[in-house]
Amino acid sequence: MWALLPLKDFVQAKQRLAGCLTVSERRGLFHAMVEDVLTVLAAHPGFERIVVVSDDPAAQLLAEHFGICLLYTSPSPRDQRGS
C-alpha cells in the first residue's frame, strides 16, 4: 500500500491562524505538523512507498530527509496570480 500526502505551499498554510501567529510561526507550525505525519507514515510497516505531492521547495527537503518520493507539481496559474 502507498501513502500519498498532498502538501500546500508552506507559506500559505494555516491562514486561519493569521490573527494570532506570524507568517513565520504558521510556516513553522505547518512544517512541524508535516514532520509528525511523515514520521508516523515512515514508521508504519504497511506502507511500501510514501509520496509527497507539492509545489513547495521545502517539500523536497522533507522528502530527502525522510527518504521518500516527491512528486513536484507546478503552481497553477491561479496560484501564480496570488488569488
N, C-alpha and C. Protein backbone atom coordinates (compact mmCIF):
# COMPACT_ATOMS: atom_id res chain seq x y z
N MET A 1 0.84 -1.17 0.00
CA MET A 1 0.00 0.00 0.00
C MET A 1 0.89 1.25 0.00
N TRP A 2 0.44 2.26 -0.72
CA TRP A 2 1.16 3.53 -0.78
C TRP A 2 0.43 4.58 0.05
N ALA A 3 1.20 5.53 0.56
CA ALA A 3 0.62 6.70 1.22
C ALA A 3 0.92 7.91 0.34
N LEU A 4 -0.09 8.69 0.07
CA LEU A 4 0.04 9.89 -0.75
C LEU A 4 -0.30 11.09 0.14
N LEU A 5 0.66 12.01 0.30
CA LEU A 5 0.46 13.16 1.17
C LEU A 5 0.55 14.45 0.36
N PRO A 6 -0.59 15.06 0.02
CA PRO A 6 -0.56 16.34 -0.70
C PRO A 6 -0.27 17.47 0.29
N LEU A 7 0.64 18.36 -0.09
CA LEU A 7 1.01 19.49 0.77
C LEU A 7 0.84 20.79 0.02
N LYS A 8 0.24 21.76 0.67
CA LYS A 8 0.10 23.08 0.07
C LYS A 8 1.38 23.88 0.29
N ASP A 9 1.41 25.04 -0.24
CA ASP A 9 2.52 25.97 -0.06
C ASP A 9 2.72 26.24 1.44
N PHE A 10 3.91 26.03 1.93
CA PHE A 10 4.19 26.18 3.36
C PHE A 10 3.92 27.60 3.85
N VAL A 11 4.16 28.60 3.02
CA VAL A 11 3.96 29.99 3.43
C VAL A 11 2.47 30.30 3.54
N GLN A 12 1.66 29.67 2.71
CA GLN A 12 0.21 29.93 2.72
C GLN A 12 -0.55 29.06 3.72
N ALA A 13 0.13 28.14 4.37
CA ALA A 13 -0.54 27.22 5.28
C ALA A 13 -1.01 27.91 6.55
N LYS A 14 -2.06 27.39 7.11
CA LYS A 14 -2.59 27.83 8.41
C LYS A 14 -3.02 29.29 8.41
N GLN A 15 -3.64 29.74 7.32
CA GLN A 15 -4.09 31.13 7.19
C GLN A 15 -5.08 31.55 8.26
N ARG A 16 -5.89 30.62 8.73
CA ARG A 16 -6.89 30.97 9.74
C ARG A 16 -6.27 31.36 11.07
N LEU A 17 -4.98 31.08 11.23
CA LEU A 17 -4.28 31.46 12.46
C LEU A 17 -3.56 32.80 12.32
N ALA A 18 -3.81 33.50 11.23
CA ALA A 18 -3.11 34.76 10.96
C ALA A 18 -3.33 35.81 12.05
N GLY A 19 -4.45 35.74 12.73
CA GLY A 19 -4.73 36.71 13.78
C GLY A 19 -3.90 36.53 15.03
N CYS A 20 -3.32 35.34 15.20
CA CYS A 20 -2.55 35.10 16.42
C CYS A 20 -1.13 34.59 16.17
N LEU A 21 -0.80 34.24 14.93
CA LEU A 21 0.56 33.78 14.61
C LEU A 21 1.11 34.54 13.42
N THR A 22 2.40 34.80 13.43
CA THR A 22 3.05 35.44 12.29
C THR A 22 3.19 34.43 11.15
N VAL A 23 3.54 34.92 9.97
CA VAL A 23 3.77 34.03 8.82
C VAL A 23 4.83 32.99 9.18
N SER A 24 5.90 33.44 9.80
CA SER A 24 6.98 32.53 10.18
C SER A 24 6.50 31.46 11.17
N GLU A 25 5.70 31.87 12.13
CA GLU A 25 5.19 30.92 13.12
C GLU A 25 4.23 29.91 12.48
N ARG A 26 3.39 30.39 11.56
CA ARG A 26 2.46 29.48 10.86
C ARG A 26 3.22 28.49 9.99
N ARG A 27 4.24 28.99 9.33
CA ARG A 27 5.07 28.10 8.50
C ARG A 27 5.76 27.05 9.36
N GLY A 28 6.30 27.48 10.49
CA GLY A 28 6.95 26.54 11.41
C GLY A 28 6.00 25.50 11.96
N LEU A 29 4.78 25.94 12.28
CA LEU A 29 3.76 25.01 12.78
C LEU A 29 3.42 23.98 11.71
N PHE A 30 3.19 24.44 10.50
CA PHE A 30 2.86 23.53 9.40
C PHE A 30 4.01 22.55 9.16
N HIS A 31 5.22 23.03 9.17
CA HIS A 31 6.39 22.19 8.97
C HIS A 31 6.46 21.11 10.05
N ALA A 32 6.24 21.51 11.31
CA ALA A 32 6.27 20.54 12.42
C ALA A 32 5.17 19.50 12.28
N MET A 33 3.99 19.94 11.86
CA MET A 33 2.87 19.01 11.68
C MET A 33 3.16 18.02 10.56
N VAL A 34 3.74 18.50 9.46
CA VAL A 34 4.09 17.62 8.35
C VAL A 34 5.16 16.62 8.78
N GLU A 35 6.15 17.08 9.53
CA GLU A 35 7.18 16.16 10.02
C GLU A 35 6.58 15.08 10.91
N ASP A 36 5.63 15.46 11.76
CA ASP A 36 4.97 14.47 12.62
C ASP A 36 4.25 13.41 11.78
N VAL A 37 3.52 13.85 10.77
CA VAL A 37 2.79 12.91 9.90
C VAL A 37 3.77 12.01 9.16
N LEU A 38 4.84 12.58 8.61
CA LEU A 38 5.81 11.77 7.88
C LEU A 38 6.54 10.78 8.78
N THR A 39 6.78 11.16 10.02
CA THR A 39 7.42 10.25 10.98
C THR A 39 6.53 9.03 11.22
N VAL A 40 5.24 9.27 11.40
CA VAL A 40 4.30 8.16 11.62
C VAL A 40 4.19 7.30 10.37
N LEU A 41 4.06 7.92 9.21
CA LEU A 41 3.95 7.16 7.97
C LEU A 41 5.20 6.32 7.71
N ALA A 42 6.37 6.92 7.93
CA ALA A 42 7.63 6.21 7.67
C ALA A 42 7.81 5.02 8.61
N ALA A 43 7.26 5.11 9.81
CA ALA A 43 7.41 4.03 10.78
C ALA A 43 6.38 2.92 10.59
N HIS A 44 5.36 3.19 9.80
CA HIS A 44 4.29 2.21 9.62
C HIS A 44 4.73 1.12 8.65
N PRO A 45 4.70 -0.14 9.09
CA PRO A 45 5.19 -1.22 8.22
C PRO A 45 4.27 -1.52 7.04
N GLY A 46 3.06 -1.01 7.04
CA GLY A 46 2.12 -1.32 5.97
C GLY A 46 2.31 -0.53 4.69
N PHE A 47 3.16 0.49 4.73
CA PHE A 47 3.36 1.31 3.53
C PHE A 47 4.63 0.92 2.82
N GLU A 48 4.48 0.53 1.56
CA GLU A 48 5.67 0.20 0.77
C GLU A 48 6.28 1.44 0.15
N ARG A 49 5.49 2.49 0.00
CA ARG A 49 6.01 3.73 -0.55
C ARG A 49 5.20 4.90 -0.02
N ILE A 50 5.90 6.01 0.25
CA ILE A 50 5.26 7.25 0.67
C ILE A 50 5.62 8.30 -0.37
N VAL A 51 4.61 9.02 -0.85
CA VAL A 51 4.81 10.04 -1.86
C VAL A 51 4.23 11.35 -1.36
N VAL A 52 5.05 12.40 -1.39
CA VAL A 52 4.60 13.74 -1.08
C VAL A 52 4.36 14.46 -2.40
N VAL A 53 3.22 15.12 -2.52
CA VAL A 53 2.86 15.88 -3.71
C VAL A 53 2.79 17.34 -3.32
N SER A 54 3.63 18.17 -3.95
CA SER A 54 3.67 19.58 -3.56
C SER A 54 4.36 20.41 -4.63
N ASP A 55 4.08 21.72 -4.58
CA ASP A 55 4.81 22.65 -5.44
C ASP A 55 5.75 23.52 -4.61
N ASP A 56 5.90 23.20 -3.33
CA ASP A 56 6.76 23.98 -2.44
C ASP A 56 8.15 23.37 -2.36
N PRO A 57 9.21 24.16 -2.57
CA PRO A 57 10.57 23.63 -2.49
C PRO A 57 10.90 23.02 -1.13
N ALA A 58 10.26 23.47 -0.07
CA ALA A 58 10.52 22.89 1.26
C ALA A 58 10.12 21.43 1.31
N ALA A 59 9.16 21.04 0.50
CA ALA A 59 8.73 19.64 0.46
C ALA A 59 9.85 18.74 -0.04
N GLN A 60 10.68 19.25 -0.94
CA GLN A 60 11.80 18.45 -1.44
C GLN A 60 12.79 18.15 -0.32
N LEU A 61 13.06 19.13 0.52
CA LEU A 61 13.97 18.91 1.64
C LEU A 61 13.41 17.87 2.61
N LEU A 62 12.11 17.94 2.88
CA LEU A 62 11.50 16.94 3.75
C LEU A 62 11.55 15.56 3.12
N ALA A 63 11.26 15.48 1.83
CA ALA A 63 11.30 14.18 1.16
C ALA A 63 12.71 13.58 1.24
N GLU A 64 13.71 14.39 1.01
CA GLU A 64 15.09 13.91 1.11
C GLU A 64 15.41 13.46 2.54
N HIS A 65 14.99 14.25 3.51
CA HIS A 65 15.25 13.93 4.92
C HIS A 65 14.63 12.59 5.32
N PHE A 66 13.42 12.33 4.85
CA PHE A 66 12.73 11.10 5.21
C PHE A 66 12.97 9.96 4.22
N GLY A 67 13.70 10.24 3.14
CA GLY A 67 13.98 9.21 2.14
C GLY A 67 12.73 8.74 1.43
N ILE A 68 11.85 9.66 1.12
CA ILE A 68 10.60 9.33 0.45
C ILE A 68 10.53 10.01 -0.91
N CYS A 69 9.54 9.64 -1.69
CA CYS A 69 9.38 10.18 -3.04
C CYS A 69 8.69 11.55 -3.00
N LEU A 70 9.05 12.39 -3.95
CA LEU A 70 8.40 13.68 -4.12
C LEU A 70 7.88 13.78 -5.54
N LEU A 71 6.61 14.11 -5.66
CA LEU A 71 6.02 14.44 -6.95
C LEU A 71 5.84 15.94 -6.94
N TYR A 72 6.75 16.63 -7.65
CA TYR A 72 6.72 18.09 -7.65
C TYR A 72 5.74 18.56 -8.70
N THR A 73 4.80 19.39 -8.29
CA THR A 73 3.80 19.92 -9.21
C THR A 73 4.06 21.40 -9.41
N SER A 74 3.81 21.87 -10.59
CA SER A 74 3.95 23.30 -10.87
C SER A 74 2.77 24.03 -10.26
N PRO A 75 3.01 25.24 -9.74
CA PRO A 75 1.88 26.02 -9.23
C PRO A 75 0.88 26.30 -10.36
N SER A 76 -0.38 26.28 -10.02
CA SER A 76 -1.41 26.56 -11.03
C SER A 76 -1.36 28.05 -11.38
N PRO A 77 -1.87 28.43 -12.56
CA PRO A 77 -1.90 29.85 -12.92
C PRO A 77 -2.64 30.68 -11.87
N ARG A 78 -3.66 30.10 -11.27
CA ARG A 78 -4.40 30.82 -10.21
C ARG A 78 -3.48 31.11 -9.03
N ASP A 79 -2.64 30.13 -8.61
CA ASP A 79 -1.72 30.32 -7.50
C ASP A 79 -0.67 31.37 -7.84
N GLN A 80 -0.24 31.41 -9.10
CA GLN A 80 0.79 32.36 -9.52
C GLN A 80 0.27 33.79 -9.51
N ARG A 81 -1.04 33.97 -9.70
CA ARG A 81 -1.64 35.29 -9.65
C ARG A 81 -1.78 35.80 -8.24
N GLY A 82 -1.67 34.88 -7.26
CA GLY A 82 -1.84 35.28 -5.87
C GLY A 82 -3.29 35.32 -5.44
N SER A 83 -4.17 34.68 -6.20
CA SER A 83 -5.60 34.65 -5.88
C SER A 83 -5.89 33.57 -4.87
